[in-house]
Amino acid sequence: MIDTVKHEVMADMRVYQFSTRLFKLFLLAWHRLRIRGAENIPDRGGVLIASNHASFLDPPVVGVGYRGRPVHFMARDSLWNSRFGSWWMDSVGCIPVARGTGDMKALKLTIKALKEGKAVSMFPEGTRTENGELQEAKGGIGFIIEKSGCVVVPAYIDGTFKAHPKGSKWIKPCRVAITYGKPITQEEFQALGSGREAYEAHAALIMRRIADLKNGKD
């Protein structure tokens, strides 16, 4: 597994480019993918894209929706178990996370990537929803935000739960859309306090912004 997040220039990430192009063709053909608000993602500086999590389709949707630069995804470490999986996950710049352990190595690697000005995607809820509704966020995202000094772009993905919910074997051909909201600045997070006691407040703010996007608010 990787000990650092490699690459930043899209041209250097040929596997990433090829993969996202394939995903885009599939998502456009099978799900008539619609993308809104991608211009809200800064083209420079550390940015954390935080979205709801309803399906295995969510990471490809986030990666296809924003093509300004590579997006590094946090992903469960079991995806590195096979030789191909390990090669592919490393090649596209994913960050392995040992779920349920409070993986400090993954948190530190994510913070390092954000401090280096990279774009990282994570799902604050930690796991896929069971019923299609938004869940509470885990406090770990607050730790990442405070230590990295990044901005956060909330995103809402609609349709992936219907297309491929948890436990489903088949991907249904229904419409999918992603909406990226306006960035949440460090000033907004700092207004909620700092330190461990503020992490949950930071996470709750992100989930409110994601809920606003779900409800059609900018």
N, C-alpha and C. Protein backbone atom coordinates (compact mmCIF):
# COMPACT_ATOMS: atom_id res chain seq x y z
N MET A 1 0.83 -1.20 0.00
CA MET A 1 0.00 0.00 0.00
C MET A 1 0.87 1.26 0.00
N ILE A 2 0.29 2.34 -0.44
CA ILE A 2 1.06 3.56 -0.58
C ILE A 2 1.35 4.21 0.76
N ASP A 3 2.51 4.88 0.85
CA ASP A 3 2.89 5.64 2.04
C ASP A 3 2.84 7.13 1.76
N THR A 4 2.55 7.47 0.53
CA THR A 4 2.40 8.86 0.16
C THR A 4 1.42 8.93 -1.00
N VAL A 5 0.78 10.08 -1.18
CA VAL A 5 -0.14 10.25 -2.30
C VAL A 5 0.64 10.83 -3.47
N LYS A 6 0.87 10.02 -4.49
CA LYS A 6 1.70 10.43 -5.61
C LYS A 6 0.87 11.15 -6.68
N HIS A 7 1.57 11.96 -7.45
CA HIS A 7 1.01 12.63 -8.62
C HIS A 7 0.05 13.76 -8.25
N GLU A 8 -0.02 14.72 -9.10
CA GLU A 8 -0.99 15.80 -9.00
C GLU A 8 -1.40 16.28 -10.37
N VAL A 9 -0.46 16.29 -11.32
CA VAL A 9 -0.78 16.77 -12.66
C VAL A 9 -1.55 15.68 -13.41
N MET A 10 -2.70 16.05 -13.97
CA MET A 10 -3.56 15.07 -14.63
C MET A 10 -2.82 14.29 -15.71
N ALA A 11 -1.93 14.97 -16.43
CA ALA A 11 -1.21 14.33 -17.54
C ALA A 11 -0.32 13.19 -17.06
N ASP A 12 0.08 13.22 -15.79
CA ASP A 12 0.94 12.18 -15.24
C ASP A 12 0.16 10.97 -14.77
N MET A 13 -1.17 11.11 -14.70
CA MET A 13 -1.99 10.03 -14.15
C MET A 13 -2.78 9.36 -15.27
N ARG A 14 -2.07 8.58 -16.08
CA ARG A 14 -2.69 7.98 -17.26
C ARG A 14 -3.76 6.97 -16.90
N VAL A 15 -3.51 6.18 -15.85
CA VAL A 15 -4.51 5.20 -15.43
C VAL A 15 -5.76 5.93 -14.93
N TYR A 16 -5.56 7.01 -14.17
CA TYR A 16 -6.69 7.80 -13.68
C TYR A 16 -7.49 8.37 -14.85
N GLN A 17 -6.79 8.95 -15.82
CA GLN A 17 -7.46 9.52 -16.98
C GLN A 17 -8.28 8.47 -17.73
N PHE A 18 -7.64 7.33 -18.00
CA PHE A 18 -8.31 6.27 -18.74
C PHE A 18 -9.53 5.75 -17.98
N SER A 19 -9.37 5.57 -16.66
CA SER A 19 -10.45 5.05 -15.84
C SER A 19 -11.64 6.00 -15.79
N THR A 20 -11.38 7.28 -15.59
CA THR A 20 -12.48 8.23 -15.50
C THR A 20 -13.20 8.40 -16.84
N ARG A 21 -12.46 8.26 -17.93
CA ARG A 21 -13.12 8.32 -19.24
C ARG A 21 -14.06 7.14 -19.44
N LEU A 22 -13.62 5.94 -19.03
CA LEU A 22 -14.50 4.77 -19.11
C LEU A 22 -15.73 4.96 -18.23
N PHE A 23 -15.50 5.41 -16.98
CA PHE A 23 -16.62 5.63 -16.07
C PHE A 23 -17.60 6.67 -16.64
N LYS A 24 -17.05 7.70 -17.27
CA LYS A 24 -17.91 8.74 -17.82
C LYS A 24 -18.79 8.19 -18.94
N LEU A 25 -18.22 7.39 -19.82
CA LEU A 25 -19.00 6.79 -20.89
C LEU A 25 -20.14 5.94 -20.32
N PHE A 26 -19.82 5.15 -19.30
CA PHE A 26 -20.84 4.31 -18.68
C PHE A 26 -21.92 5.14 -18.00
N LEU A 27 -21.50 6.14 -17.22
CA LEU A 27 -22.46 6.95 -16.47
C LEU A 27 -23.35 7.78 -17.39
N LEU A 28 -22.81 8.25 -18.49
CA LEU A 28 -23.61 9.00 -19.46
C LEU A 28 -24.60 8.09 -20.18
N ALA A 29 -24.12 6.91 -20.58
CA ALA A 29 -24.97 6.00 -21.35
C ALA A 29 -26.03 5.32 -20.49
N TRP A 30 -25.63 4.86 -19.30
CA TRP A 30 -26.51 4.03 -18.48
C TRP A 30 -27.33 4.86 -17.48
N HIS A 31 -26.80 6.02 -17.09
CA HIS A 31 -27.45 6.82 -16.04
C HIS A 31 -27.74 8.26 -16.45
N ARG A 32 -27.43 8.61 -17.70
CA ARG A 32 -27.69 9.99 -18.18
C ARG A 32 -27.18 11.02 -17.16
N LEU A 33 -25.95 10.83 -16.74
CA LEU A 33 -25.35 11.63 -15.67
C LEU A 33 -25.48 13.13 -15.94
N ARG A 34 -25.90 13.84 -14.91
CA ARG A 34 -25.96 15.31 -14.95
C ARG A 34 -25.03 15.86 -13.88
N ILE A 35 -24.29 16.91 -14.25
CA ILE A 35 -23.30 17.50 -13.35
C ILE A 35 -23.62 18.98 -13.17
N ARG A 36 -23.69 19.40 -11.92
CA ARG A 36 -23.98 20.81 -11.63
C ARG A 36 -22.95 21.34 -10.63
N GLY A 37 -22.53 22.57 -10.83
CA GLY A 37 -21.71 23.26 -9.84
C GLY A 37 -20.25 22.88 -9.78
N ALA A 38 -19.72 22.18 -10.79
CA ALA A 38 -18.31 21.80 -10.76
C ALA A 38 -17.40 23.02 -10.70
N GLU A 39 -17.91 24.15 -11.15
CA GLU A 39 -17.11 25.38 -11.11
C GLU A 39 -16.88 25.86 -9.67
N ASN A 40 -17.60 25.30 -8.71
CA ASN A 40 -17.41 25.68 -7.31
C ASN A 40 -16.15 25.06 -6.69
N ILE A 41 -15.55 24.10 -7.37
CA ILE A 41 -14.35 23.46 -6.85
C ILE A 41 -13.12 24.27 -7.26
N PRO A 42 -12.35 24.77 -6.30
CA PRO A 42 -11.15 25.55 -6.65
C PRO A 42 -10.16 24.71 -7.46
N ASP A 43 -9.53 25.33 -8.43
CA ASP A 43 -8.56 24.63 -9.27
C ASP A 43 -7.19 24.54 -8.63
N ARG A 44 -7.00 25.23 -7.50
CA ARG A 44 -5.73 25.19 -6.79
C ARG A 44 -5.98 25.11 -5.29
N GLY A 45 -4.99 24.61 -4.60
CA GLY A 45 -5.07 24.55 -3.14
C GLY A 45 -5.77 23.30 -2.64
N GLY A 46 -5.53 22.99 -1.38
CA GLY A 46 -6.14 21.81 -0.79
C GLY A 46 -7.64 21.94 -0.68
N VAL A 47 -8.35 20.99 -1.23
CA VAL A 47 -9.81 21.00 -1.17
C VAL A 47 -10.32 19.60 -0.88
N LEU A 48 -11.25 19.52 0.06
CA LEU A 48 -11.87 18.26 0.42
C LEU A 48 -13.29 18.24 -0.13
N ILE A 49 -13.57 17.30 -1.03
CA ILE A 49 -14.92 17.15 -1.58
C ILE A 49 -15.65 16.16 -0.69
N ALA A 50 -16.71 16.62 -0.04
CA ALA A 50 -17.44 15.79 0.92
C ALA A 50 -18.86 15.56 0.42
N SER A 51 -19.20 14.31 0.18
CA SER A 51 -20.53 14.01 -0.36
C SER A 51 -21.23 12.91 0.42
N ASN A 52 -22.52 12.79 0.20
CA ASN A 52 -23.29 11.69 0.77
C ASN A 52 -22.83 10.38 0.14
N HIS A 53 -23.16 9.28 0.80
CA HIS A 53 -22.69 7.98 0.33
C HIS A 53 -23.85 6.98 0.31
N ALA A 54 -24.28 6.62 -0.90
CA ALA A 54 -25.42 5.73 -1.06
C ALA A 54 -25.11 4.47 -1.83
N SER A 55 -23.95 4.44 -2.53
CA SER A 55 -23.70 3.35 -3.46
C SER A 55 -22.22 3.25 -3.81
N PHE A 56 -21.82 2.08 -4.31
CA PHE A 56 -20.47 1.93 -4.85
C PHE A 56 -20.25 2.82 -6.07
N LEU A 57 -21.32 3.33 -6.66
CA LEU A 57 -21.20 4.21 -7.83
C LEU A 57 -20.73 5.61 -7.46
N ASP A 58 -20.80 5.96 -6.19
CA ASP A 58 -20.51 7.35 -5.78
C ASP A 58 -19.10 7.82 -6.12
N PRO A 59 -18.04 7.05 -5.83
CA PRO A 59 -16.70 7.53 -6.18
C PRO A 59 -16.52 7.82 -7.68
N PRO A 60 -16.96 6.93 -8.59
CA PRO A 60 -16.85 7.28 -10.01
C PRO A 60 -17.62 8.54 -10.38
N VAL A 61 -18.78 8.74 -9.75
CA VAL A 61 -19.57 9.94 -10.05
C VAL A 61 -18.81 11.19 -9.64
N VAL A 62 -18.22 11.19 -8.45
CA VAL A 62 -17.44 12.35 -7.99
C VAL A 62 -16.25 12.59 -8.91
N GLY A 63 -15.53 11.52 -9.28
CA GLY A 63 -14.35 11.67 -10.12
C GLY A 63 -14.66 12.14 -11.52
N VAL A 64 -15.78 11.69 -12.07
CA VAL A 64 -16.19 12.10 -13.41
C VAL A 64 -16.74 13.53 -13.40
N GLY A 65 -17.41 13.88 -12.29
CA GLY A 65 -18.05 15.19 -12.22
C GLY A 65 -17.08 16.35 -12.22
N TYR A 66 -15.88 16.14 -11.68
CA TYR A 66 -14.87 17.20 -11.65
C TYR A 66 -13.62 16.71 -12.34
N ARG A 67 -13.25 17.36 -13.42
CA ARG A 67 -12.09 16.92 -14.21
C ARG A 67 -10.98 17.97 -14.25
N GLY A 68 -11.04 18.96 -13.36
CA GLY A 68 -10.02 19.99 -13.36
C GLY A 68 -8.66 19.50 -12.95
N ARG A 69 -8.62 18.51 -12.07
CA ARG A 69 -7.37 17.90 -11.60
C ARG A 69 -7.73 16.56 -10.95
N PRO A 70 -6.74 15.73 -10.68
CA PRO A 70 -7.05 14.42 -10.08
C PRO A 70 -7.70 14.56 -8.71
N VAL A 71 -8.60 13.66 -8.39
CA VAL A 71 -9.22 13.60 -7.08
C VAL A 71 -8.75 12.31 -6.41
N HIS A 72 -8.18 12.44 -5.23
CA HIS A 72 -7.67 11.29 -4.48
C HIS A 72 -8.74 10.83 -3.50
N PHE A 73 -9.12 9.56 -3.60
CA PHE A 73 -10.22 9.03 -2.80
C PHE A 73 -9.72 8.24 -1.60
N MET A 74 -10.39 8.41 -0.47
CA MET A 74 -10.17 7.55 0.67
C MET A 74 -11.02 6.30 0.45
N ALA A 75 -10.42 5.12 0.59
CA ALA A 75 -11.13 3.87 0.29
C ALA A 75 -10.72 2.79 1.29
N ARG A 76 -11.64 1.87 1.55
CA ARG A 76 -11.35 0.83 2.54
C ARG A 76 -10.17 -0.04 2.07
N ASP A 77 -9.33 -0.41 3.01
CA ASP A 77 -8.08 -1.08 2.67
C ASP A 77 -8.26 -2.46 2.06
N SER A 78 -9.42 -3.08 2.23
CA SER A 78 -9.65 -4.42 1.65
C SER A 78 -9.62 -4.39 0.12
N LEU A 79 -9.78 -3.20 -0.47
CA LEU A 79 -9.74 -3.10 -1.93
C LEU A 79 -8.33 -3.31 -2.48
N TRP A 80 -7.33 -3.33 -1.61
CA TRP A 80 -5.94 -3.58 -2.00
C TRP A 80 -5.58 -5.08 -1.88
N ASN A 81 -6.54 -5.92 -1.56
CA ASN A 81 -6.22 -7.33 -1.27
C ASN A 81 -5.74 -8.12 -2.48
N SER A 82 -6.24 -7.79 -3.67
CA SER A 82 -5.80 -8.51 -4.86
C SER A 82 -4.66 -7.76 -5.54
N ARG A 83 -3.90 -8.47 -6.37
CA ARG A 83 -2.77 -7.84 -7.06
C ARG A 83 -3.25 -6.72 -7.98
N PHE A 84 -4.33 -6.99 -8.74
CA PHE A 84 -4.84 -5.96 -9.64
C PHE A 84 -5.41 -4.79 -8.84
N GLY A 85 -6.18 -5.11 -7.79
CA GLY A 85 -6.77 -4.06 -6.98
C GLY A 85 -5.72 -3.15 -6.38
N SER A 86 -4.65 -3.75 -5.86
CA SER A 86 -3.58 -2.96 -5.27
C SER A 86 -2.92 -2.06 -6.32
N TRP A 87 -2.64 -2.62 -7.50
CA TRP A 87 -2.02 -1.83 -8.57
C TRP A 87 -2.92 -0.69 -9.00
N TRP A 88 -4.21 -0.99 -9.20
CA TRP A 88 -5.12 0.04 -9.70
C TRP A 88 -5.37 1.13 -8.66
N MET A 89 -5.60 0.75 -7.42
CA MET A 89 -5.88 1.74 -6.37
C MET A 89 -4.68 2.67 -6.18
N ASP A 90 -3.46 2.11 -6.23
CA ASP A 90 -2.26 2.95 -6.12
C ASP A 90 -2.10 3.84 -7.35
N SER A 91 -2.41 3.30 -8.52
CA SER A 91 -2.22 4.04 -9.77
C SER A 91 -3.14 5.25 -9.88
N VAL A 92 -4.33 5.17 -9.29
CA VAL A 92 -5.25 6.29 -9.36
C VAL A 92 -5.17 7.18 -8.11
N GLY A 93 -4.22 6.87 -7.22
CA GLY A 93 -3.94 7.75 -6.08
C GLY A 93 -4.89 7.64 -4.92
N CYS A 94 -5.47 6.46 -4.69
CA CYS A 94 -6.38 6.29 -3.56
C CYS A 94 -5.62 6.16 -2.24
N ILE A 95 -6.30 6.46 -1.15
CA ILE A 95 -5.72 6.42 0.19
C ILE A 95 -6.40 5.30 0.98
N PRO A 96 -5.66 4.25 1.38
CA PRO A 96 -6.28 3.12 2.09
C PRO A 96 -6.67 3.48 3.52
N VAL A 97 -7.85 3.04 3.93
CA VAL A 97 -8.35 3.29 5.27
C VAL A 97 -8.77 1.98 5.91
N ALA A 98 -8.27 1.69 7.10
CA ALA A 98 -8.71 0.52 7.85
C ALA A 98 -9.98 0.91 8.61
N ARG A 99 -11.11 0.46 8.13
CA ARG A 99 -12.40 0.88 8.69
C ARG A 99 -12.58 0.38 10.11
N GLY A 100 -13.22 1.27 10.92
CA GLY A 100 -13.55 0.90 12.29
C GLY A 100 -12.39 0.94 13.25
N THR A 101 -11.26 1.50 12.82
CA THR A 101 -10.08 1.50 13.69
C THR A 101 -9.59 2.90 14.03
N GLY A 102 -10.22 3.96 13.47
CA GLY A 102 -9.69 5.30 13.66
C GLY A 102 -8.31 5.40 13.08
N ASP A 103 -8.14 4.99 11.84
CA ASP A 103 -6.86 4.83 11.16
C ASP A 103 -6.09 6.15 11.10
N MET A 104 -5.16 6.35 12.03
CA MET A 104 -4.41 7.60 12.09
C MET A 104 -3.48 7.75 10.89
N LYS A 105 -2.94 6.64 10.40
CA LYS A 105 -2.07 6.72 9.23
C LYS A 105 -2.83 7.30 8.04
N ALA A 106 -4.07 6.84 7.82
CA ALA A 106 -4.89 7.34 6.72
C ALA A 106 -5.22 8.81 6.93
N LEU A 107 -5.54 9.18 8.17
CA LEU A 107 -5.86 10.58 8.45
C LEU A 107 -4.66 11.48 8.19
N LYS A 108 -3.49 11.05 8.63
CA LYS A 108 -2.28 11.85 8.43
C LYS A 108 -1.92 11.95 6.95
N LEU A 109 -2.12 10.88 6.21
CA LEU A 109 -1.82 10.88 4.78
C LEU A 109 -2.77 11.82 4.04
N THR A 110 -4.03 11.83 4.47
CA THR A 110 -5.01 12.72 3.86
C THR A 110 -4.67 14.18 4.17
N ILE A 111 -4.32 14.45 5.40
CA ILE A 111 -3.93 15.81 5.79
C ILE A 111 -2.71 16.27 5.00
N LYS A 112 -1.74 15.38 4.85
CA LYS A 112 -0.54 15.70 4.08
C LYS A 112 -0.89 16.05 2.64
N ALA A 113 -1.78 15.25 2.03
CA ALA A 113 -2.18 15.50 0.64
C ALA A 113 -2.86 16.86 0.52
N LEU A 114 -3.72 17.19 1.46
CA LEU A 114 -4.42 18.48 1.42
C LEU A 114 -3.46 19.64 1.63
N LYS A 115 -2.50 19.48 2.52
CA LYS A 115 -1.51 20.54 2.74
C LYS A 115 -0.65 20.76 1.50
N GLU A 116 -0.48 19.70 0.71
CA GLU A 116 0.28 19.81 -0.54
C GLU A 116 -0.56 20.40 -1.67
N GLY A 117 -1.80 20.75 -1.38
CA GLY A 117 -2.65 21.41 -2.38
C GLY A 117 -3.44 20.46 -3.26
N LYS A 118 -3.60 19.22 -2.83
CA LYS A 118 -4.32 18.23 -3.64
C LYS A 118 -5.83 18.28 -3.36
N ALA A 119 -6.58 17.65 -4.25
CA ALA A 119 -8.02 17.49 -4.07
C ALA A 119 -8.28 16.07 -3.57
N VAL A 120 -9.03 15.97 -2.48
CA VAL A 120 -9.33 14.67 -1.88
C VAL A 120 -10.84 14.54 -1.72
N SER A 121 -11.35 13.36 -1.96
CA SER A 121 -12.78 13.10 -1.76
C SER A 121 -12.97 12.12 -0.62
N MET A 122 -13.97 12.40 0.23
CA MET A 122 -14.32 11.44 1.27
C MET A 122 -15.82 11.52 1.54
N PHE A 123 -16.31 10.48 2.18
CA PHE A 123 -17.73 10.41 2.52
C PHE A 123 -17.85 10.55 4.03
N PRO A 124 -18.31 11.72 4.52
CA PRO A 124 -18.34 11.98 5.97
C PRO A 124 -19.15 10.97 6.76
N GLU A 125 -20.14 10.34 6.13
CA GLU A 125 -20.99 9.37 6.84
C GLU A 125 -20.23 8.07 7.15
N GLY A 126 -19.16 7.83 6.42
CA GLY A 126 -18.32 6.68 6.71
C GLY A 126 -18.73 5.39 6.04
N THR A 127 -20.00 5.22 5.76
CA THR A 127 -20.48 4.00 5.11
C THR A 127 -21.73 4.32 4.32
N ARG A 128 -22.13 3.41 3.45
CA ARG A 128 -23.30 3.64 2.60
C ARG A 128 -24.59 3.61 3.41
N THR A 129 -25.52 4.46 3.02
CA THR A 129 -26.81 4.52 3.68
C THR A 129 -27.61 3.24 3.43
N GLU A 130 -28.39 2.84 4.41
CA GLU A 130 -29.22 1.64 4.29
C GLU A 130 -30.58 1.93 3.67
N ASN A 131 -31.01 3.20 3.75
CA ASN A 131 -32.37 3.55 3.32
C ASN A 131 -32.45 4.72 2.35
N GLY A 132 -31.31 5.22 1.92
CA GLY A 132 -31.31 6.34 0.99
C GLY A 132 -31.30 7.70 1.65
N GLU A 133 -31.47 7.74 2.97
CA GLU A 133 -31.48 9.01 3.69
C GLU A 133 -30.07 9.40 4.14
N LEU A 134 -29.86 10.70 4.37
CA LEU A 134 -28.57 11.16 4.87
C LEU A 134 -28.36 10.66 6.29
N GLN A 135 -27.10 10.35 6.62
CA GLN A 135 -26.74 9.89 7.95
C GLN A 135 -25.90 10.96 8.66
N GLU A 136 -25.65 10.76 9.93
CA GLU A 136 -24.76 11.65 10.66
C GLU A 136 -23.32 11.43 10.20
N ALA A 137 -22.54 12.50 10.21
CA ALA A 137 -21.14 12.39 9.82
C ALA A 137 -20.29 11.96 10.99
N LYS A 138 -19.17 11.32 10.70
CA LYS A 138 -18.20 10.95 11.72
C LYS A 138 -17.31 12.16 12.03
N GLY A 139 -16.84 12.24 13.27
CA GLY A 139 -16.05 13.39 13.68
C GLY A 139 -14.67 13.48 13.04
N GLY A 140 -14.20 12.38 12.44
CA GLY A 140 -12.86 12.38 11.85
C GLY A 140 -12.66 13.45 10.79
N ILE A 141 -13.74 13.81 10.09
CA ILE A 141 -13.59 14.82 9.04
C ILE A 141 -13.25 16.17 9.66
N GLY A 142 -13.75 16.43 10.87
CA GLY A 142 -13.42 17.68 11.55
C GLY A 142 -11.94 17.77 11.88
N PHE A 143 -11.36 16.65 12.29
CA PHE A 143 -9.93 16.58 12.57
C PHE A 143 -9.13 16.90 11.32
N ILE A 144 -9.51 16.31 10.19
CA ILE A 144 -8.82 16.54 8.93
C ILE A 144 -8.89 18.01 8.53
N ILE A 145 -10.07 18.59 8.66
CA ILE A 145 -10.28 19.99 8.25
C ILE A 145 -9.40 20.93 9.08
N GLU A 146 -9.40 20.74 10.39
CA GLU A 146 -8.65 21.64 11.26
C GLU A 146 -7.15 21.51 11.04
N LYS A 147 -6.66 20.28 10.91
CA LYS A 147 -5.22 20.07 10.80
C LYS A 147 -4.66 20.41 9.42
N SER A 148 -5.51 20.33 8.39
CA SER A 148 -5.03 20.60 7.03
C SER A 148 -5.22 22.04 6.60
N GLY A 149 -6.20 22.73 7.21
CA GLY A 149 -6.51 24.10 6.79
C GLY A 149 -7.18 24.19 5.43
N CYS A 150 -7.79 23.10 4.97
CA CYS A 150 -8.39 23.08 3.63
C CYS A 150 -9.77 23.72 3.60
N VAL A 151 -10.26 23.98 2.40
CA VAL A 151 -11.67 24.33 2.22
C VAL A 151 -12.42 23.04 1.91
N VAL A 152 -13.72 23.04 2.13
CA VAL A 152 -14.54 21.86 1.89
C VAL A 152 -15.64 22.21 0.89
N VAL A 153 -15.74 21.40 -0.15
CA VAL A 153 -16.83 21.56 -1.12
C VAL A 153 -17.85 20.45 -0.86
N PRO A 154 -19.05 20.80 -0.39
CA PRO A 154 -20.08 19.78 -0.18
C PRO A 154 -20.65 19.34 -1.53
N ALA A 155 -21.07 18.10 -1.60
CA ALA A 155 -21.65 17.60 -2.85
C ALA A 155 -22.80 16.64 -2.51
N TYR A 156 -23.84 16.69 -3.34
CA TYR A 156 -24.96 15.76 -3.15
C TYR A 156 -25.13 14.93 -4.42
N ILE A 157 -25.14 13.62 -4.23
CA ILE A 157 -25.32 12.68 -5.34
C ILE A 157 -26.73 12.12 -5.27
N ASP A 158 -27.46 12.25 -6.34
CA ASP A 158 -28.85 11.79 -6.40
C ASP A 158 -28.97 10.67 -7.43
N GLY A 159 -29.64 9.60 -7.05
CA GLY A 159 -29.94 8.53 -8.01
C GLY A 159 -29.13 7.26 -7.84
N THR A 160 -27.99 7.34 -7.17
CA THR A 160 -27.16 6.14 -7.07
C THR A 160 -27.76 5.11 -6.11
N PHE A 161 -28.54 5.58 -5.12
CA PHE A 161 -29.18 4.61 -4.22
C PHE A 161 -30.20 3.78 -4.98
N LYS A 162 -30.96 4.42 -5.84
CA LYS A 162 -31.94 3.70 -6.66
C LYS A 162 -31.24 2.80 -7.67
N ALA A 163 -30.12 3.26 -8.20
CA ALA A 163 -29.40 2.50 -9.23
C ALA A 163 -28.70 1.28 -8.66
N HIS A 164 -28.08 1.44 -7.49
CA HIS A 164 -27.28 0.33 -6.95
C HIS A 164 -27.17 0.47 -5.44
N PRO A 165 -28.24 0.16 -4.69
CA PRO A 165 -28.20 0.28 -3.23
C PRO A 165 -27.33 -0.80 -2.61
N LYS A 166 -27.05 -0.65 -1.34
CA LYS A 166 -26.24 -1.62 -0.60
C LYS A 166 -26.89 -3.00 -0.67
N GLY A 167 -26.10 -4.00 -1.06
CA GLY A 167 -26.59 -5.36 -1.16
C GLY A 167 -27.13 -5.74 -2.53
N SER A 168 -27.23 -4.77 -3.44
CA SER A 168 -27.76 -5.05 -4.77
C SER A 168 -26.71 -5.72 -5.65
N LYS A 169 -27.14 -6.63 -6.52
CA LYS A 169 -26.24 -7.31 -7.44
C LYS A 169 -26.20 -6.66 -8.81
N TRP A 170 -27.25 -5.89 -9.15
CA TRP A 170 -27.35 -5.34 -10.49
C TRP A 170 -27.44 -3.82 -10.44
N ILE A 171 -26.95 -3.19 -11.48
CA ILE A 171 -27.01 -1.73 -11.58
C ILE A 171 -28.17 -1.34 -12.49
N LYS A 172 -29.15 -0.67 -11.93
CA LYS A 172 -30.34 -0.29 -12.70
C LYS A 172 -30.06 0.95 -13.54
N PRO A 173 -30.63 1.04 -14.73
CA PRO A 173 -30.41 2.20 -15.61
C PRO A 173 -31.34 3.37 -15.27
N CYS A 174 -31.00 4.13 -14.23
CA CYS A 174 -31.82 5.29 -13.86
C CYS A 174 -30.94 6.54 -13.82
N ARG A 175 -31.58 7.69 -13.85
CA ARG A 175 -30.85 8.95 -13.91
C ARG A 175 -30.06 9.21 -12.63
N VAL A 176 -28.83 9.70 -12.81
CA VAL A 176 -27.96 10.06 -11.69
C VAL A 176 -27.47 11.49 -11.89
N ALA A 177 -27.40 12.23 -10.80
CA ALA A 177 -26.93 13.62 -10.87
C ALA A 177 -26.05 13.92 -9.67
N ILE A 178 -25.07 14.79 -9.87
CA ILE A 178 -24.25 15.27 -8.76
C ILE A 178 -24.24 16.80 -8.78
N THR A 179 -24.40 17.38 -7.59
CA THR A 179 -24.37 18.83 -7.44
C THR A 179 -23.28 19.19 -6.44
N TYR A 180 -22.35 20.02 -6.88
CA TYR A 180 -21.29 20.52 -6.00
C TYR A 180 -21.71 21.90 -5.49
N GLY A 181 -21.63 22.08 -4.18
CA GLY A 181 -22.01 23.35 -3.59
C GLY A 181 -20.85 24.32 -3.48
N LYS A 182 -21.14 25.49 -2.94
CA LYS A 182 -20.09 26.50 -2.74
C LYS A 182 -19.16 26.06 -1.60
N PRO A 183 -17.90 26.41 -1.70
CA PRO A 183 -16.93 25.98 -0.67
C PRO A 183 -17.27 26.50 0.72
N ILE A 184 -17.02 25.67 1.71
CA ILE A 184 -17.10 26.09 3.11
C ILE A 184 -15.69 26.49 3.52
N THR A 185 -15.53 27.71 3.94
CA THR A 185 -14.20 28.25 4.22
C THR A 185 -13.71 27.89 5.62
N GLN A 186 -12.42 28.08 5.82
CA GLN A 186 -11.84 27.86 7.15
C GLN A 186 -12.44 28.82 8.17
N GLU A 187 -12.78 30.02 7.74
CA GLU A 187 -13.37 30.99 8.66
C GLU A 187 -14.70 30.48 9.22
N GLU A 188 -15.49 29.82 8.37
CA GLU A 188 -16.76 29.27 8.83
C GLU A 188 -16.55 28.15 9.84
N PHE A 189 -15.54 27.33 9.61
CA PHE A 189 -15.26 26.26 10.55
C PHE A 189 -14.72 26.81 11.87
N GLN A 190 -13.82 27.79 11.78
CA GLN A 190 -13.21 28.35 12.98
C GLN A 190 -14.23 29.06 13.86
N ALA A 191 -15.30 29.56 13.24
CA ALA A 191 -16.36 30.22 14.00
C ALA A 191 -17.09 29.23 14.91
N LEU A 192 -16.96 27.94 14.62
CA LEU A 192 -17.61 26.91 15.43
C LEU A 192 -16.72 26.42 16.57
N GLY A 193 -15.51 26.96 16.64
CA GLY A 193 -14.58 26.54 17.67
C GLY A 193 -13.45 25.71 17.10
N SER A 194 -12.58 25.24 17.98
CA SER A 194 -11.44 24.43 17.54
C SER A 194 -11.19 23.30 18.53
N GLY A 195 -10.35 22.37 18.13
CA GLY A 195 -10.04 21.26 18.99
C GLY A 195 -11.08 20.15 18.91
N ARG A 196 -10.86 19.11 19.69
CA ARG A 196 -11.68 17.91 19.64
C ARG A 196 -13.18 18.20 19.83
N GLU A 197 -13.50 19.15 20.70
CA GLU A 197 -14.91 19.44 20.98
C GLU A 197 -15.63 20.06 19.79
N ALA A 198 -14.88 20.59 18.82
CA ALA A 198 -15.50 21.24 17.66
C ALA A 198 -15.62 20.31 16.45
N TYR A 199 -14.99 19.15 16.48
CA TYR A 199 -14.96 18.28 15.31
C TYR A 199 -16.38 17.86 14.88
N GLU A 200 -17.22 17.51 15.83
CA GLU A 200 -18.57 17.10 15.50
C GLU A 200 -19.38 18.25 14.92
N ALA A 201 -19.13 19.47 15.41
CA ALA A 201 -19.81 20.65 14.87
C ALA A 201 -19.40 20.90 13.43
N HIS A 202 -18.12 20.71 13.13
CA HIS A 202 -17.64 20.85 11.76
C HIS A 202 -18.31 19.82 10.85
N ALA A 203 -18.39 18.58 11.34
CA ALA A 203 -19.03 17.52 10.55
C ALA A 203 -20.50 17.80 10.32
N ALA A 204 -21.17 18.30 11.36
CA ALA A 204 -22.60 18.61 11.25
C ALA A 204 -22.85 19.74 10.24
N LEU A 205 -21.96 20.74 10.22
CA LEU A 205 -22.09 21.83 9.25
C LEU A 205 -22.02 21.29 7.83
N ILE A 206 -21.09 20.39 7.58
CA ILE A 206 -20.95 19.81 6.24
C ILE A 206 -22.23 19.06 5.85
N MET A 207 -22.78 18.27 6.77
CA MET A 207 -23.99 17.52 6.45
C MET A 207 -25.18 18.44 6.22
N ARG A 208 -25.23 19.58 6.90
CA ARG A 208 -26.30 20.56 6.65
C ARG A 208 -26.19 21.12 5.24
N ARG A 209 -24.97 21.39 4.81
CA ARG A 209 -24.77 21.93 3.46
C ARG A 209 -25.11 20.87 2.41
N ILE A 210 -24.80 19.61 2.69
CA ILE A 210 -25.17 18.55 1.77
C ILE A 210 -26.70 18.41 1.71
N ALA A 211 -27.34 18.53 2.87
CA ALA A 211 -28.81 18.48 2.93
C ALA A 211 -29.42 19.64 2.14
N ASP A 212 -28.80 20.82 2.23
CA ASP A 212 -29.29 21.97 1.47
C ASP A 212 -29.26 21.69 -0.03
N LEU A 213 -28.18 21.06 -0.49
CA LEU A 213 -28.08 20.72 -1.90
C LEU A 213 -29.15 19.71 -2.29
N LYS A 214 -29.42 18.76 -1.41
CA LYS A 214 -30.47 17.78 -1.66
C LYS A 214 -31.82 18.47 -1.81
N ASN A 215 -32.04 19.51 -1.01
CA ASN A 215 -33.31 20.22 -1.02
C ASN A 215 -33.36 21.34 -2.03
N GLY A 216 -32.35 21.42 -2.89
CA GLY A 216 -32.35 22.40 -3.96
C GLY A 216 -31.86 23.78 -3.58
N LYS A 217 -31.18 23.89 -2.43
CA LYS A 217 -30.65 25.18 -2.00
C LYS A 217 -29.18 25.27 -2.40
N ASP A 218 -28.73 26.47 -2.76
CA ASP A 218 -27.32 26.67 -3.11
C ASP A 218 -26.47 26.77 -1.87
